Protein backbone atom coordinates (compact mmCIF):
# COMPACT_ATOMS: atom_id res chain seq x y z
CA MET A 1 114.59 111.10 26.70
CA SER A 2 112.12 108.31 27.19
CA THR A 3 108.53 108.18 26.12
CA THR A 4 105.87 106.38 28.11
CA LEU A 5 103.16 104.73 26.01
CA GLU A 6 99.80 104.28 27.75
CA SER A 7 98.03 101.09 26.82
CA PRO A 8 94.40 101.52 25.73
CA VAL A 9 91.75 100.73 28.28
CA THR A 10 90.12 97.43 27.43
CA SER A 11 87.12 95.79 28.97
CA THR A 12 87.47 92.51 30.69
CA PRO A 13 85.44 89.60 29.35
CA VAL A 14 83.10 89.92 32.32
CA GLU A 15 82.51 93.64 31.66
CA ALA A 16 81.97 93.03 27.93
CA ALA A 17 79.49 90.29 28.70
CA GLY A 18 77.71 92.61 31.13
CA LYS A 19 77.43 95.37 28.54
CA GLN A 20 76.15 92.95 25.92
CA SER A 21 73.60 91.61 28.38
CA ALA A 22 72.49 95.17 29.21
CA ARG A 23 72.09 95.98 25.52
CA ARG A 24 70.12 92.80 24.98
CA GLY A 25 67.93 93.59 27.97
CA GLU A 26 67.29 97.12 26.73
CA SER A 27 66.40 95.78 23.29
CA LEU A 28 63.95 93.29 24.75
CA THR A 29 62.42 95.97 26.97
CA GLY A 30 62.11 98.33 24.00
CA TRP A 31 60.29 95.70 21.97
CA ALA A 32 58.07 94.87 24.95
CA PHE A 33 56.96 98.52 25.01
CA ALA A 34 56.65 98.85 21.24
CA ALA A 35 55.10 95.42 20.58
CA PRO A 36 51.41 96.24 21.18
CA PHE A 37 51.54 99.07 18.65
CA ALA A 38 53.83 97.15 16.28
CA VAL A 39 51.46 94.14 16.16
CA LEU A 40 48.47 96.30 15.23
CA PHE A 41 50.59 98.35 12.81
CA VAL A 42 51.91 95.30 10.98
CA LEU A 43 48.66 93.35 11.06
CA PHE A 44 46.33 96.11 9.91
CA LEU A 45 48.58 98.33 7.80
CA VAL A 46 51.79 96.67 6.64
CA VAL A 47 50.19 93.33 5.77
CA PRO A 48 47.17 94.86 3.96
CA ALA A 49 49.45 97.25 2.08
CA GLY A 50 51.72 94.41 0.98
CA TYR A 51 48.77 92.20 0.12
CA GLY A 52 47.16 94.98 -1.87
CA LEU A 53 50.38 95.46 -3.79
CA TYR A 54 50.46 91.75 -4.57
CA LEU A 55 46.80 91.76 -5.66
CA SER A 56 47.50 94.61 -8.03
CA PHE A 57 49.64 92.20 -10.07
CA THR A 58 46.96 89.50 -10.16
CA GLY A 59 43.45 89.07 -11.55
CA GLU A 60 42.22 87.72 -8.22
CA THR A 61 38.63 88.15 -7.00
CA LEU A 62 37.22 87.88 -3.52
CA THR A 63 36.21 84.28 -4.20
CA GLY A 64 39.81 83.46 -5.15
CA ALA A 65 39.08 83.01 -8.85
CA ASN A 66 41.75 83.90 -11.40
CA SER A 67 44.49 84.39 -8.83
CA ARG A 68 47.28 83.99 -11.35
CA LEU A 69 49.85 86.74 -11.79
CA ILE A 70 49.13 89.02 -14.73
CA GLY A 71 52.07 91.39 -14.36
CA PHE A 72 51.37 95.04 -15.04
CA ALA A 73 48.08 94.42 -16.87
CA ASN A 74 46.03 96.15 -14.18
CA TYR A 75 48.31 99.17 -14.28
CA ALA A 76 48.20 99.28 -18.06
CA GLU A 77 44.43 99.16 -17.87
CA ALA A 78 44.45 101.98 -15.33
CA LEU A 79 46.74 104.14 -17.45
CA GLY A 80 44.51 103.56 -20.45
CA ASP A 81 41.29 104.28 -18.56
CA PRO A 82 39.97 107.81 -19.31
CA ASP A 83 38.04 107.79 -16.03
CA MET A 84 41.27 107.36 -14.07
CA TRP A 85 42.86 110.38 -15.75
CA HIS A 86 39.64 112.32 -15.30
CA SER A 87 39.71 111.46 -11.58
CA LEU A 88 43.34 112.54 -11.32
CA GLY A 89 42.42 115.85 -12.90
CA ASN A 90 39.52 116.29 -10.51
CA THR A 91 41.79 115.57 -7.54
CA ALA A 92 44.40 118.08 -8.72
CA TRP A 93 41.73 120.70 -9.41
CA PHE A 94 40.11 120.16 -6.01
CA THR A 95 43.50 120.39 -4.29
CA LEU A 96 44.29 123.71 -5.97
CA LEU A 97 40.84 125.23 -5.41
CA SER A 98 40.73 124.25 -1.74
CA THR A 99 44.33 124.73 -0.61
CA VAL A 100 44.97 128.34 -1.64
CA PRO A 101 41.72 129.82 -0.20
CA LEU A 102 42.13 127.74 2.95
CA VAL A 103 45.58 129.15 3.68
CA VAL A 104 44.55 132.73 2.88
CA LEU A 105 41.28 132.63 4.85
CA SER A 106 42.82 130.83 7.84
CA LEU A 107 45.54 133.45 8.06
CA ALA A 108 43.07 136.31 7.63
CA PHE A 109 40.80 134.98 10.38
CA ALA A 110 43.77 134.47 12.72
CA LEU A 111 45.11 137.99 12.07
CA LEU A 112 41.72 139.51 12.87
CA VAL A 113 41.24 137.50 16.07
CA ASN A 114 44.84 138.25 17.11
CA LEU A 115 44.00 141.96 17.28
CA GLY A 116 42.57 141.25 20.72
CA LEU A 117 39.03 142.32 19.83
CA PRO A 118 36.15 141.57 22.24
CA GLY A 119 34.24 138.32 21.92
CA ARG A 120 37.18 136.04 21.27
CA TRP A 121 35.29 133.01 22.61
CA LEU A 122 32.62 133.59 19.93
CA TRP A 123 35.20 133.85 17.15
CA ARG A 124 36.87 130.61 18.22
CA LEU A 125 33.53 128.84 18.55
CA SER A 126 32.28 130.06 15.17
CA PHE A 127 35.35 129.12 13.15
CA PHE A 128 36.36 125.92 14.93
CA MET A 129 33.05 124.21 15.69
CA PRO A 130 32.47 122.92 12.11
CA TYR A 131 35.78 121.06 12.34
CA LEU A 132 34.29 118.87 15.09
CA LEU A 133 31.39 117.66 12.96
CA ALA A 134 31.26 114.31 11.19
CA SER A 135 31.36 114.42 7.43
CA THR A 136 27.81 113.06 7.27
CA VAL A 137 26.54 115.90 9.46
CA VAL A 138 28.36 118.47 7.32
CA VAL A 139 26.87 116.94 4.18
CA LEU A 140 23.34 116.99 5.61
CA PHE A 141 23.73 120.66 6.55
CA TRP A 142 25.06 121.68 3.15
CA THR A 143 22.76 119.48 1.08
CA TRP A 144 19.91 121.41 2.70
CA MET A 145 21.68 124.72 2.11
CA TYR A 146 22.19 123.80 -1.58
CA ASN A 147 18.65 122.48 -2.12
CA PRO A 148 17.59 123.84 -5.55
CA LYS A 149 14.05 124.78 -4.50
CA LEU A 150 14.09 125.15 -0.71
CA GLY A 151 17.73 125.82 0.15
CA LEU A 152 18.73 128.97 1.99
CA ILE A 153 21.27 130.05 -0.64
CA ASN A 154 18.79 129.94 -3.51
CA GLY A 155 16.16 131.53 -1.29
CA ILE A 156 18.45 134.52 -0.74
CA LEU A 157 19.20 134.69 -4.47
CA ARG A 158 15.47 134.79 -5.24
CA GLU A 159 15.03 137.69 -2.80
CA PHE A 160 17.46 139.68 -4.97
CA GLY A 161 15.84 138.61 -8.22
CA ILE A 162 18.62 136.17 -9.17
CA ALA A 163 17.75 132.85 -10.74
CA PRO A 164 18.35 129.79 -8.53
CA VAL A 165 21.48 127.72 -9.11
CA ALA A 166 21.68 123.91 -9.20
CA TRP A 167 24.65 123.87 -6.85
CA LEU A 168 25.19 120.11 -6.79
CA GLN A 169 23.61 119.23 -10.12
CA ASP A 170 25.29 121.69 -12.50
CA PRO A 171 28.77 120.45 -13.57
CA LYS A 172 29.96 124.06 -13.83
CA VAL A 173 29.42 124.82 -10.14
CA ALA A 174 29.41 121.40 -8.42
CA MET A 175 33.17 121.45 -7.75
CA PHE A 176 32.91 124.96 -6.34
CA SER A 177 30.10 123.78 -4.04
CA VAL A 178 32.21 120.89 -2.75
CA VAL A 179 35.18 123.20 -2.18
CA LEU A 180 33.03 125.72 -0.29
CA THR A 181 31.70 122.96 1.95
CA THR A 182 35.23 121.68 2.58
CA LEU A 183 36.51 125.15 3.49
CA TRP A 184 33.65 125.71 5.95
CA TRP A 185 34.34 122.32 7.51
CA THR A 186 38.14 122.37 7.82
CA ILE A 187 39.25 125.98 8.15
CA GLY A 188 38.92 126.08 11.96
CA PHE A 189 41.85 123.75 12.61
CA ASN A 190 44.22 125.75 10.43
CA PHE A 191 42.90 129.00 11.89
CA LEU A 192 43.97 127.84 15.36
CA LEU A 193 47.38 126.76 14.11
CA TYR A 194 47.97 130.25 12.72
CA LEU A 195 46.59 131.88 15.85
CA ALA A 196 48.96 129.86 18.03
CA ALA A 197 51.91 130.81 15.82
CA LEU A 198 50.97 134.50 15.93
CA GLN A 199 51.00 134.40 19.71
CA ASN A 200 54.62 133.29 19.67
CA ILE A 201 55.94 136.25 17.69
CA PRO A 202 57.83 138.42 20.22
CA GLU A 203 56.16 141.78 20.87
CA GLN A 204 59.59 143.43 20.83
CA GLN A 205 59.85 142.90 17.09
CA PHE A 206 56.71 144.95 16.47
CA GLU A 207 57.91 147.67 18.85
CA ALA A 208 61.29 147.91 17.11
CA ALA A 209 59.62 148.05 13.70
CA ALA A 210 57.27 150.79 14.89
CA ILE A 211 60.24 152.83 16.15
CA ASP A 212 61.79 152.50 12.70
CA GLY A 213 58.60 153.91 11.19
CA ALA A 214 57.17 150.66 9.81
CA GLY A 215 53.41 150.71 9.46
CA LYS A 216 51.01 147.83 10.00
CA TRP A 217 51.21 146.54 6.44
CA ARG A 218 55.00 146.63 6.39
CA GLN A 219 55.08 144.78 9.72
CA LEU A 220 52.75 142.19 8.24
CA PHE A 221 55.00 141.42 5.28
CA SER A 222 58.38 141.92 6.97
CA ILE A 223 57.68 140.28 10.36
CA VAL A 224 54.47 138.27 10.47
CA ILE A 225 54.56 136.44 7.13
CA PRO A 226 58.23 135.33 7.45
CA GLN A 227 57.68 134.21 11.05
CA LEU A 228 54.64 132.17 9.99
CA ALA A 229 56.52 130.35 7.21
CA PRO A 230 56.93 127.07 9.17
CA THR A 231 53.24 127.06 10.10
CA THR A 232 52.26 127.80 6.50
CA ALA A 233 54.43 124.91 5.31
CA LEU A 234 52.75 122.61 7.85
CA ILE A 235 49.26 123.71 6.79
CA LEU A 236 50.07 123.33 3.10
CA THR A 237 51.45 119.83 3.67
CA LEU A 238 48.46 118.71 5.74
CA GLN A 239 45.97 120.22 3.31
CA VAL A 240 47.56 118.71 0.21
CA LEU A 241 47.69 115.28 1.86
CA ALA A 242 44.05 115.62 2.95
CA SER A 243 42.99 116.74 -0.53
CA LEU A 244 44.71 113.78 -2.15
CA LYS A 245 42.77 111.47 0.20
CA VAL A 246 39.40 113.23 -0.17
CA PHE A 247 36.43 110.93 -0.47
CA ASP A 248 33.61 111.46 2.05
CA GLN A 249 32.19 114.84 1.08
CA ILE A 250 32.42 114.28 -2.68
CA TYR A 251 30.80 110.88 -2.47
CA MET A 252 27.96 112.01 -0.19
CA LEU A 253 27.33 115.43 -1.74
CA THR A 254 27.40 114.46 -5.40
CA ASN A 255 27.45 110.64 -5.57
CA GLY A 256 30.33 111.07 -7.99
CA GLY A 257 28.56 113.55 -10.26
CA PRO A 258 27.74 115.67 -12.06
CA GLY A 259 30.62 115.83 -14.49
CA ARG A 260 32.13 112.74 -12.81
CA LEU A 261 33.55 114.54 -9.77
CA ASP A 262 34.89 111.31 -8.33
CA PRO A 263 38.32 111.78 -6.69
CA VAL A 264 41.15 109.57 -7.80
CA ASP A 265 41.26 107.54 -4.61
CA ARG A 266 37.74 106.32 -5.14
CA GLY A 267 39.32 103.23 -6.68
CA VAL A 268 42.12 100.80 -6.22
CA HIS A 269 44.34 99.07 -8.79
CA LEU A 270 42.96 95.56 -8.48
CA ARG A 271 40.15 93.33 -9.57
CA VAL A 272 38.15 91.78 -6.74
CA ARG A 273 34.60 91.02 -5.82
CA PHE A 274 33.55 93.36 -3.04
CA HIS A 275 31.57 91.64 -0.27
CA ARG A 276 29.19 89.17 -1.86
CA LEU A 277 28.14 91.51 -4.66
CA PRO A 278 28.27 90.25 -8.24
CA VAL A 279 30.08 93.40 -9.33
CA ARG A 280 33.74 93.27 -10.40
CA LEU A 281 35.85 95.94 -8.74
CA LEU A 282 37.88 97.22 -11.68
CA VAL A 283 40.50 99.91 -11.53
CA GLY A 284 38.77 103.06 -10.31
CA ASP A 285 35.34 101.40 -9.84
CA LEU A 286 35.12 101.53 -6.04
CA LEU A 287 32.55 104.32 -5.86
CA PRO A 288 29.69 102.67 -7.79
CA VAL A 289 30.34 99.44 -5.90
CA LEU A 290 29.98 101.29 -2.61
CA ARG A 291 26.73 102.83 -3.77
CA HIS A 292 25.36 99.40 -4.62
CA HIS A 293 26.80 97.94 -1.42
CA ARG A 294 24.82 100.39 0.73
CA ALA A 295 21.62 100.56 -1.35
CA GLY A 296 20.11 97.44 0.17
CA VAL A 297 20.94 98.59 3.67
CA ALA A 298 19.56 102.13 3.41
CA GLY A 299 16.04 100.98 2.76
CA ALA A 300 15.94 98.86 5.91
CA VAL A 301 17.03 101.66 8.20
CA GLN A 302 15.58 104.59 9.73
CA THR A 303 50.85 121.32 31.59
CA SER A 304 54.16 120.97 30.39
CA GLN A 305 54.95 122.01 26.83
CA PRO A 306 58.20 121.46 24.92
CA PRO A 307 59.98 124.82 24.85
CA GLU A 308 61.11 124.70 21.25
CA TRP A 309 57.69 124.00 19.74
CA PRO A 310 56.44 126.92 17.66
CA MET A 311 52.89 126.84 19.00
CA SER A 312 51.82 128.39 22.28
CA SER A 313 49.07 126.49 24.06
CA TYR A 314 49.11 128.82 27.05
CA THR A 315 48.16 132.01 25.25
CA LEU A 316 45.39 130.30 23.32
CA SER A 317 43.87 128.66 26.35
CA ARG A 318 44.20 131.68 28.65
CA GLY A 319 43.44 134.46 26.27
CA ILE A 320 44.56 136.51 23.31
CA LYS A 321 47.42 138.94 23.78
CA GLN A 322 46.52 142.50 22.95
CA ARG A 323 48.21 143.82 19.81
CA HIS A 324 47.71 147.49 20.57
CA LYS A 325 49.93 149.71 22.64
CA PRO A 326 48.80 150.82 26.13
CA GLY A 327 48.29 154.38 24.91
CA GLU A 328 46.52 153.38 21.71
CA ASN A 329 42.77 153.85 21.43
CA PRO A 330 41.23 150.32 21.58
CA TRP A 331 38.11 151.68 19.83
CA SER A 332 39.77 153.36 16.88
CA VAL A 333 38.03 153.38 13.52
CA SER A 334 40.33 150.70 12.12
CA ARG A 335 39.66 148.38 15.05
CA MET A 336 35.92 148.95 14.81
CA VAL A 337 36.02 148.10 11.11
CA ALA A 338 38.03 144.96 11.92
CA LEU A 339 35.47 144.04 14.59
CA LEU A 340 32.62 144.49 12.12
CA VAL A 341 34.35 142.33 9.49
CA LEU A 342 35.10 139.65 12.09
CA ALA A 343 31.49 139.67 13.28
CA VAL A 344 30.17 139.27 9.73
CA LEU A 345 32.55 136.38 9.07
CA ALA A 346 31.73 134.64 12.35
CA VAL A 347 27.99 134.95 11.85
CA SER A 348 28.36 133.71 8.26
CA TRP A 349 30.27 130.68 9.51
CA LEU A 350 27.43 129.84 11.90
CA VAL A 351 24.67 130.19 9.28
CA PRO A 352 24.55 126.52 8.15
CA PHE A 353 24.34 125.35 11.75
CA VAL A 354 21.70 127.93 12.72
CA TRP A 355 19.64 127.21 9.58
CA ALA A 356 19.71 123.49 10.37
CA VAL A 357 18.51 124.18 13.94
CA VAL A 358 15.70 126.45 12.72
CA THR A 359 14.60 123.87 10.14
CA SER A 360 14.61 121.09 12.73
CA LEU A 361 12.22 123.12 14.89
CA LYS A 362 9.70 123.62 12.09
CA SER A 363 6.81 121.41 11.07
CA GLU A 364 7.35 119.47 7.85
CA ALA A 365 4.88 121.77 6.10
CA ASP A 366 6.80 124.89 7.14
CA ALA A 367 10.18 123.27 6.33
CA GLY A 368 8.91 122.50 2.83
CA ALA A 369 7.74 126.06 2.18
CA SER A 370 9.68 127.89 -0.50
CA SER A 371 9.87 131.19 1.41
CA ILE A 372 12.70 131.92 3.83
CA SER A 373 11.40 132.22 7.37
CA LEU A 374 13.22 132.19 10.67
CA SER A 375 9.85 132.34 12.45
CA PRO A 376 7.55 129.69 10.95
CA PRO A 377 3.78 130.41 10.72
CA ASP A 378 2.91 127.34 12.80
CA GLY A 379 5.48 128.25 15.43
CA PHE A 380 8.45 126.22 16.60
CA SER A 381 7.94 122.56 17.42
CA PHE A 382 9.98 119.62 18.68
CA GLU A 383 7.89 117.18 16.67
CA ALA A 384 10.76 116.32 14.33
CA TYR A 385 13.00 115.43 17.29
CA ARG A 386 10.22 113.34 18.86
CA LYS A 387 9.75 111.35 15.67
CA VAL A 388 13.48 110.82 15.14
CA LEU A 389 14.07 109.69 18.71
CA SER A 390 10.98 107.48 18.77
CA ALA A 391 12.23 105.65 15.67
CA GLY A 392 15.12 104.43 17.82
CA ASP A 393 17.83 104.76 15.17
CA ILE A 394 19.80 107.76 16.47
CA PRO A 395 20.25 106.42 20.05
CA ALA A 396 21.30 103.01 18.71
CA TRP A 397 23.78 104.54 16.26
CA ALA A 398 25.15 106.83 18.99
CA TRP A 399 25.59 103.86 21.32
CA ASN A 400 27.54 101.97 18.65
CA SER A 401 29.68 105.04 18.03
CA LEU A 402 30.33 105.42 21.75
CA ILE A 403 31.37 101.79 22.21
CA THR A 404 33.71 101.76 19.22
CA SER A 405 35.13 105.27 19.83
CA VAL A 406 35.92 104.61 23.51
CA ALA A 407 37.58 101.30 22.67
CA ILE A 408 39.61 102.85 19.83
CA THR A 409 40.66 105.74 22.07
CA LEU A 410 41.77 103.55 24.98
CA ILE A 411 43.75 101.15 22.78
CA THR A 412 45.31 103.91 20.68
CA VAL A 413 46.40 106.06 23.62
CA ALA A 414 47.86 103.06 25.47
CA THR A 415 49.77 101.62 22.51
CA SER A 416 50.93 105.04 21.27
CA ALA A 417 52.24 106.03 24.71
CA LEU A 418 54.15 102.76 25.11
CA ALA A 419 55.63 102.95 21.62
CA GLY A 420 56.42 106.67 21.89
CA TYR A 421 58.31 106.06 25.13
CA ALA A 422 60.24 103.17 23.59
CA PHE A 423 61.33 105.32 20.65
CA SER A 424 62.24 108.19 22.98
CA ARG A 425 64.27 106.32 25.58
CA MET A 426 65.40 102.91 24.32
CA ASN A 427 67.69 101.53 21.63
CA PHE A 428 66.31 98.26 20.35
CA ARG A 429 67.03 96.23 17.26
CA GLY A 430 64.91 97.32 14.29
CA ARG A 431 64.08 100.66 15.92
CA ARG A 432 65.09 102.78 12.92
CA TRP A 433 63.21 100.63 10.43
CA LEU A 434 60.01 100.65 12.48
CA TYR A 435 60.26 104.40 13.03
CA ALA A 436 60.75 105.01 9.30
CA ALA A 437 57.75 102.80 8.52
CA ILE A 438 55.61 104.79 10.97
CA ILE A 439 56.57 108.06 9.29
CA ALA A 440 55.83 106.63 5.84
CA ALA A 441 52.46 105.30 7.00
CA ILE A 442 51.15 108.79 7.70
CA ILE A 443 50.90 109.61 4.00
CA ILE A 444 49.16 106.38 2.92
CA PRO A 445 45.54 107.10 1.91
CA PRO A 446 43.21 104.76 3.82
CA GLN A 447 41.25 104.14 0.61
CA LEU A 448 44.21 102.13 -0.75
CA LEU A 449 43.81 99.60 2.07
CA ILE A 450 40.05 99.08 1.80
CA VAL A 451 39.99 95.94 -0.32
CA PRO A 452 42.87 94.03 1.36
CA LEU A 453 41.59 95.08 4.80
CA PHE A 454 38.10 93.94 3.95
CA ARG A 455 39.39 90.57 2.77
CA GLN A 456 41.36 90.35 6.00
CA MET A 457 38.21 90.99 8.03
CA LEU A 458 36.43 88.27 6.05
CA ALA A 459 39.26 85.85 6.82
CA PHE A 460 39.10 86.74 10.53
CA ASN A 461 35.28 86.53 10.50
CA LEU A 462 35.11 90.11 11.80
CA VAL A 463 32.77 91.65 9.21
CA ASP A 464 29.65 93.05 10.92
CA THR A 465 31.26 92.99 14.38
CA TYR A 466 32.43 95.68 16.77
CA TRP A 467 36.00 94.36 16.63
CA GLY A 468 35.93 94.61 12.85
CA ILE A 469 35.27 98.34 13.25
CA ILE A 470 37.69 98.84 16.14
CA LEU A 471 40.91 96.97 15.38
CA PRO A 472 41.89 98.59 12.04
CA GLN A 473 41.45 102.00 13.69
CA ALA A 474 43.11 101.17 17.02
CA PHE A 475 46.56 102.54 16.18
CA ALA A 476 47.70 105.99 15.11
CA PRO A 477 51.24 106.49 13.74
CA ALA A 478 50.96 110.29 14.03
CA MET A 479 50.19 110.04 17.74
CA VAL A 480 53.28 107.91 18.33
CA LEU A 481 55.43 110.65 16.79
CA ILE A 482 53.69 113.36 18.83
CA LEU A 483 54.10 111.50 22.13
CA LYS A 484 57.70 110.56 21.31
CA ARG A 485 58.50 114.24 20.79
CA PHE A 486 56.86 115.12 24.10
CA PHE A 487 58.71 112.39 26.01
CA ASP A 488 61.99 113.68 24.55
CA GLN A 489 61.51 116.88 26.56
CA ILE A 490 61.10 115.16 29.94
CA PRO A 491 64.44 115.38 31.81
CA VAL A 492 66.21 112.03 31.77
CA GLU A 493 67.62 112.80 35.23
CA LEU A 494 64.20 112.19 36.78
CA GLU A 495 64.14 108.67 35.39
CA ASP A 496 67.78 107.99 36.25
CA ALA A 497 67.15 108.89 39.88
CA ALA A 498 64.22 106.49 40.03
CA ARG A 499 66.23 103.70 38.40
CA VAL A 500 69.04 104.21 40.90
CA ASP A 501 66.41 103.57 43.58
CA GLY A 502 65.61 100.26 41.90
CA ALA A 503 62.63 101.15 39.71
CA ASN A 504 62.42 99.27 36.42
CA ARG A 505 61.38 100.81 33.09
CA LEU A 506 57.72 100.00 33.53
CA ARG A 507 57.64 101.50 37.03
CA VAL A 508 59.40 104.65 35.78
CA PHE A 509 56.99 104.94 32.87
CA TRP A 510 53.92 104.48 35.09
CA SER A 511 55.00 106.56 38.08
CA ILE A 512 57.00 109.41 36.51
CA VAL A 513 56.46 109.74 32.77
CA LEU A 514 52.69 109.28 32.58
CA PRO A 515 51.86 111.77 35.38
CA LEU A 516 54.03 114.39 33.67
CA SER A 517 52.32 113.65 30.34
CA ARG A 518 48.69 114.06 31.37
CA PRO A 519 48.09 117.22 29.27
CA ILE A 520 49.40 115.69 26.05
CA LEU A 521 47.69 112.36 26.74
CA ALA A 522 44.39 114.19 27.26
CA ALA A 523 44.86 116.06 23.98
CA VAL A 524 45.69 112.86 22.10
CA ALA A 525 42.70 111.07 23.63
CA ILE A 526 40.33 113.89 22.66
CA PHE A 527 41.51 113.94 19.04
CA VAL A 528 41.49 110.17 18.68
CA PHE A 529 37.96 110.05 20.08
CA ILE A 530 36.77 112.80 17.73
CA GLY A 531 38.35 111.05 14.76
CA ALA A 532 36.86 107.67 15.69
CA TRP A 533 33.42 109.17 16.37
CA ASN A 534 33.40 110.99 13.03
CA ASN A 535 34.96 108.25 10.89
CA PHE A 536 32.70 107.30 8.01
CA LEU A 537 34.58 105.26 5.44
CA TRP A 538 35.74 102.15 7.32
CA PRO A 539 32.54 101.54 9.34
CA PHE A 540 30.67 102.17 6.09
CA ILE A 541 32.64 99.36 4.43
CA VAL A 542 32.81 96.75 7.18
CA THR A 543 29.19 96.86 8.44
CA THR A 544 25.97 95.99 6.67
CA ASP A 545 24.03 95.07 9.79
CA ALA A 546 21.76 98.01 10.69
CA ASP A 547 22.14 97.13 14.38
CA LEU A 548 25.90 97.80 14.22
CA MET A 549 25.87 101.06 12.27
CA THR A 550 27.77 103.94 13.80
CA LEU A 551 26.31 107.45 13.79
CA PRO A 552 28.05 108.75 10.62
CA VAL A 553 27.12 105.63 8.66
CA GLY A 554 23.54 105.65 9.90
CA LEU A 555 23.11 109.31 9.01
CA GLN A 556 23.97 108.49 5.41
CA THR A 557 20.73 106.50 5.29
CA VAL A 558 18.62 109.35 6.70
CA LYS A 559 17.77 110.90 3.33
CA SER A 560 16.61 107.54 2.03
CA ALA A 561 14.69 106.77 5.20
CA TYR A 562 12.93 110.12 5.66
CA GLY A 563 12.66 111.14 2.02
CA LEU A 564 11.47 114.74 1.76
CA GLN A 565 10.97 115.17 5.50
CA TYR A 566 13.47 118.00 5.82
CA ALA A 567 12.76 118.79 9.47
CA GLN A 568 13.54 115.22 10.48
CA ASN A 569 16.69 115.23 8.35
CA MET A 570 17.97 118.31 10.16
CA ALA A 571 16.85 117.01 13.56
CA SER A 572 18.92 113.86 12.93
CA ALA A 573 21.94 115.97 11.95
CA ILE A 574 21.63 118.21 15.03
CA LEU A 575 21.32 115.22 17.36
CA ALA A 576 24.38 113.68 15.75
CA ALA A 577 26.37 116.92 16.08
CA LEU A 578 25.30 117.61 19.65
CA PRO A 579 27.66 115.21 21.50
CA LEU A 580 30.86 116.68 20.04
CA VAL A 581 29.57 120.25 20.34
CA ILE A 582 29.02 119.58 24.05
CA VAL A 583 32.48 118.03 24.29
CA PHE A 584 33.95 121.18 22.71
CA LEU A 585 32.06 123.52 25.04
CA PHE A 586 33.25 121.62 28.13
CA PHE A 587 36.79 120.87 26.93
CA GLN A 588 37.43 123.91 24.75
CA ARG A 589 40.66 124.78 26.52
CA GLN A 590 42.05 121.24 26.29
CA ILE A 591 41.10 120.89 22.61
CA ILE A 592 42.67 124.21 21.67
CA LYS A 593 45.73 123.47 23.77
CA GLY A 594 46.00 120.08 22.07
CA ILE A 595 45.96 121.62 18.59
CA ALA A 596 48.50 124.25 19.61
CA THR A 597 50.72 121.62 21.24
CA THR A 598 50.53 118.78 18.74
CA GLY A 599 49.81 120.50 15.44
CA PHE A 600 47.60 117.56 14.49
CA GLY A 601 43.83 117.00 14.63
CA GLY A 602 42.74 113.58 13.09
CA GLN A 603 40.33 114.49 9.87
């Protein structure tokens, strides 16, 4: 009996060389697609992060003095600084106070809206619209609401014989006031995430539970809550990360007080001179430096969705599925009670916006009256808007915001799409390392990069320029991951057929992939634009020229410019909020679909 041994199949030298050449070509093509994003990513995130780490071991200042290495002296100083530990405690306390109510309220709002009650467009508008507002607009609204003498909240308390509360001045309630403002501002995004997840729970599960005799509460805890666990984990992760990065609302509402409410990321672990100010930036001293930095300026101014994703964009954009059986009375007592509760919540959520509009339509005398009045004695007037617009500041700030936001959006969408496609379809050298760096970059607080980025802008001579505002914001690691996940779902066979016909990677990307990706690209563009339009911190740092201020930065000077002219303050806030409110009204379906599809918003 003989045995025949088959020799292993080996490639000829020509075939091996061809395969190696193909791999090299694919690697070069992959880097060609990823390079635009990678250059911005390395230049404006990796390099500043590394430089900041180096500076933390030196005593260097902006002028270059005392650049010698001092080891862990800065860290030892930080660990021995009571203010740093106090800030850490404030950050932890803020995270706890804001995260738990946000999850509970978001879920409660989504459960109520998911009942299929009438007026769903109003509920979505009421809960989500604050999320679109810039932090400066939110702060102007709520500073007026919290006003000790003229604010709406204290006015209502006086009507019931309750003594007014110093909401932002009393250390015992200031943190609560900041948390309440944050909840009002951010709850809409998480509400829509929950609502999308609820729409994906199969109706058959509720029917089977009802047959087994399970009531509504048992269905809630045995079906709904377990099914929403992934969404809850996502919301908790996003909220904790956002809380650890919090800066804008605390800085603008309280200026770091009372009771030293400064969050921990108000400072960085280095010593530098910020701008040309003769103030040393010690560990944790960023906030007072920023105050001083702006003080001189303020006075001078006046259809395809991935099948496995757990969020349903279709049901949110087309309508809410009814959660009552065909034979069930849609106007039962329980549903009427739910409708009443939902109406009260929705109206309450609109109160700050409505009160700001009413105040902006009053004369300054009526706005400064201590009594609450929705119908002012002198009647409504557009005088405050006329004065604000005639001053010329708001249109100029809006123009600057438009220029920078459009540029940031175009660059970010283009570079993110190219990089996302490279990660989805190509194997190139260094791919895993770059992808891991992108994931890690999502959790880096932008405050940690302020000083090295600012020094970088000084070196590039980009301070007080449009490009200085645009370039550090012109890439978005999260959007690369979102687009990569979307491209993964596009059938590879479509691209293979085109490549057989002679199309190269760029032609395939332009002619096949991009047309199929229009819905997700539109969603990404909308969120990038909203984020760029609303961004406060970086334009606040890199511009001191009043002619280059964006809208959020300019609005921060309104209180200083207009003083006690409350009607003009609110008119400025309304004018600043109006563009994104209009965008939401016209693109409500795309925005909601984008949140349901991506699970990310940009705050």
